[in-house]
C-alpha atoms as a PDB file:
ATOM      1  CA  MET A   1       8.409  -8.702   9.502  1.00  0.00           C
ATOM      2  CA  LEU A   2       7.509  -6.663   6.423  1.00  0.00           C
ATOM      3  CA  PHE A   3       7.285  -2.899   6.323  1.00  0.00           C
ATOM      4  CA  THR A   4       5.280  -0.856   3.838  1.00  0.00           C
ATOM      5  CA  TYR A   5       6.703   2.299   2.298  1.00  0.00           C
ATOM      6  CA  TYR A   6       4.571   4.425   0.003  1.00  0.00           C
ATOM      7  CA  ASP A   7       4.723   7.640  -1.976  1.00  0.00           C
ATOM      8  CA  THR A   8       2.247   9.661  -4.000  1.00  0.00           C
ATOM      9  CA  GLU A   9       2.725  12.321  -6.643  1.00  0.00           C
ATOM     10  CA  THR A  10      -0.057  14.825  -7.189  1.00  0.00           C
ATOM     11  CA  SER A  11      -0.963  17.618  -9.569  1.00  0.00           C
ATOM     12  CA  GLY A  12      -0.674  20.174  -6.737  1.00  0.00           C
ATOM     13  CA  LEU A  13      -1.092  20.707  -3.032  1.00  0.00           C
ATOM     14  CA  SER A  14      -4.771  21.606  -2.726  1.00  0.00           C
ATOM     15  CA  MET A  15      -7.616  19.249  -1.836  1.00  0.00           C
ATOM     16  CA  ASN A  16      -8.950  19.635  -5.394  1.00  0.00           C
ATOM     17  CA  ASP A  17      -5.784  18.345  -7.096  1.00  0.00           C
ATOM     18  CA  ASP A  18      -5.419  14.824  -8.447  1.00  0.00           C
ATOM     19  CA  VAL A  19      -3.205  11.877  -7.571  1.00  0.00           C
ATOM     20  CA  LEU A  20      -0.966  11.206 -10.584  1.00  0.00           C
ATOM     21  CA  SER A  21       0.904   8.228  -9.169  1.00  0.00           C
ATOM     22  CA  PHE A  22       0.909   5.909  -6.176  1.00  0.00           C
ATOM     23  CA  SER A  23       3.952   3.766  -5.391  1.00  0.00           C
ATOM     24  CA  TYR A  24       4.512   1.231  -2.678  1.00  0.00           C
ATOM     25  CA  MET A  25       7.242  -1.109  -1.557  1.00  0.00           C
ATOM     26  CA  LEU A  26       7.159  -4.033   0.860  1.00  0.00           C
ATOM     27  CA  ALA A  27      10.538  -4.637   2.482  1.00  0.00           C
ATOM     28  CA  ASP A  28      11.897  -6.626   5.385  1.00  0.00           C
ATOM     29  CA  GLU A  29      13.845  -5.220   8.347  1.00  0.00           C
ATOM     30  CA  ASN A  30      17.032  -5.309   6.224  1.00  0.00           C
ATOM     31  CA  VAL A  31      15.236  -3.253   3.550  1.00  0.00           C
ATOM     32  CA  ARG A  32      15.268  -6.203   1.170  1.00  0.00           C
ATOM     33  CA  VAL A  33      12.459  -5.451  -1.254  1.00  0.00           C
ATOM     34  CA  GLU A  34       9.808  -8.163  -1.425  1.00  0.00           C
ATOM     35  CA  LYS A  35       7.444  -6.322  -3.777  1.00  0.00           C
ATOM     36  CA  ALA A  36       7.187  -2.872  -5.320  1.00  0.00           C
ATOM     37  CA  GLU A  37       4.786  -1.261  -7.754  1.00  0.00           C
ATOM     38  CA  THR A  38       3.845   2.144  -9.155  1.00  0.00           C
ATOM     39  CA  LEU A  39       0.385   2.952 -10.472  1.00  0.00           C
ATOM     40  CA  TYR A  40      -0.114   5.975 -12.729  1.00  0.00           C
ATOM     41  CA  PHE A  41      -3.417   7.770 -13.265  1.00  0.00           C
ATOM     42  CA  TRP A  42      -4.479   9.881 -16.234  1.00  0.00           C
ATOM     43  CA  LYS A  43      -7.809  10.677 -17.870  1.00  0.00           C
ATOM     44  CA  GLU A  44      -7.561  13.154 -20.735  1.00  0.00           C
ATOM     45  CA  GLY A  45      -9.593  16.286 -20.075  1.00  0.00           C
ATOM     46  CA  VAL A  46     -10.318  15.265 -16.478  1.00  0.00           C
ATOM     47  CA  THR A  47      -7.023  14.799 -14.622  1.00  0.00           C
ATOM     48  CA  LYS A  48      -5.543  18.053 -13.406  1.00  0.00           C
ATOM     49  CA  TRP A  49      -1.910  18.766 -14.317  1.00  0.00           C
ATOM     50  CA  SER A  50       0.288  21.792 -13.623  1.00  0.00           C
ATOM     51  CA  GLN A  51       3.704  22.956 -14.734  1.00  0.00           C
ATOM     52  CA  GLU A  52       4.603  23.674 -11.096  1.00  0.00           C
ATOM     53  CA  ALA A  53       3.869  20.065 -10.089  1.00  0.00           C
ATOM     54  CA  TYR A  54       5.788  18.781 -13.127  1.00  0.00           C
ATOM     55  CA  GLU A  55       8.852  20.730 -11.997  1.00  0.00           C
ATOM     56  CA  VAL A  56       8.692  18.813  -8.694  1.00  0.00           C
ATOM     57  CA  ASN A  57       7.535  15.326  -9.729  1.00  0.00           C
ATOM     58  CA  GLY A  58       8.759  15.113 -13.341  1.00  0.00           C
ATOM     59  CA  LEU A  59       5.490  13.534 -14.540  1.00  0.00           C
ATOM     60  CA  SER A  60       4.798  15.068 -17.943  1.00  0.00           C
ATOM     61  CA  LYS A  61       1.449  14.928 -19.711  1.00  0.00           C
ATOM     62  CA  GLU A  62       3.112  12.928 -22.491  1.00  0.00           C
ATOM     63  CA  PHE A  63       4.373  10.330 -20.004  1.00  0.00           C
ATOM     64  CA  LEU A  64       1.045  10.074 -18.170  1.00  0.00           C
ATOM     65  CA  ARG A  65      -0.981   9.746 -21.383  1.00  0.00           C
ATOM     66  CA  GLN A  66       0.384   6.235 -21.890  1.00  0.00           C
ATOM     67  CA  TYR A  67      -1.590   5.289 -18.767  1.00  0.00           C
ATOM     68  CA  ALA A  68      -4.880   6.766 -20.014  1.00  0.00           C
ATOM     69  CA  ASP A  69      -6.563   3.367 -20.181  1.00  0.00           C
ATOM     70  CA  PRO A  70      -8.610   2.529 -17.102  1.00  0.00           C
ATOM     71  CA  VAL A  71      -6.506   1.248 -14.236  1.00  0.00           C
ATOM     72  CA  SER A  72      -7.195  -2.355 -13.291  1.00  0.00           C
ATOM     73  CA  TYR A  73      -8.165  -2.492  -9.650  1.00  0.00           C
ATOM     74  CA  THR A  74      -8.291  -6.279  -9.540  1.00  0.00           C
ATOM     75  CA  HIS A  75      -5.117  -6.417  -7.471  1.00  0.00           C
ATOM     76  CA  LEU A  76      -6.410  -3.966  -4.865  1.00  0.00           C
ATOM     77  CA  THR A  77      -8.691  -4.834  -1.994  1.00  0.00           C
ATOM     78  CA  LEU A  78     -11.352  -2.189  -1.639  1.00  0.00           C
ATOM     79  CA  PRO A  79     -13.475  -1.902   1.507  1.00  0.00           C
ATOM     80  CA  THR A  80     -17.037  -3.098   1.212  1.00  0.00           C
ATOM     81  CA  THR A  81     -19.867  -1.661   3.267  1.00  0.00           C
END
């Protein structure tokens, strides 16, 4: 059996803040990692960022800027309606 663990880092705690990263890990009952990945999100001038969040999550603007290109969603399954 596989278990999914996930974590997000945001630019703050309000509903209007942005997700800066999403990480997940698939592991078995012995916590042997089968797959793990982190996705980072940044769009210059659009993504919110705060010093307070940086002090918690360590995600600097300089670090996030390297992920400014559009994220490829080809590996994600999005719901269709």
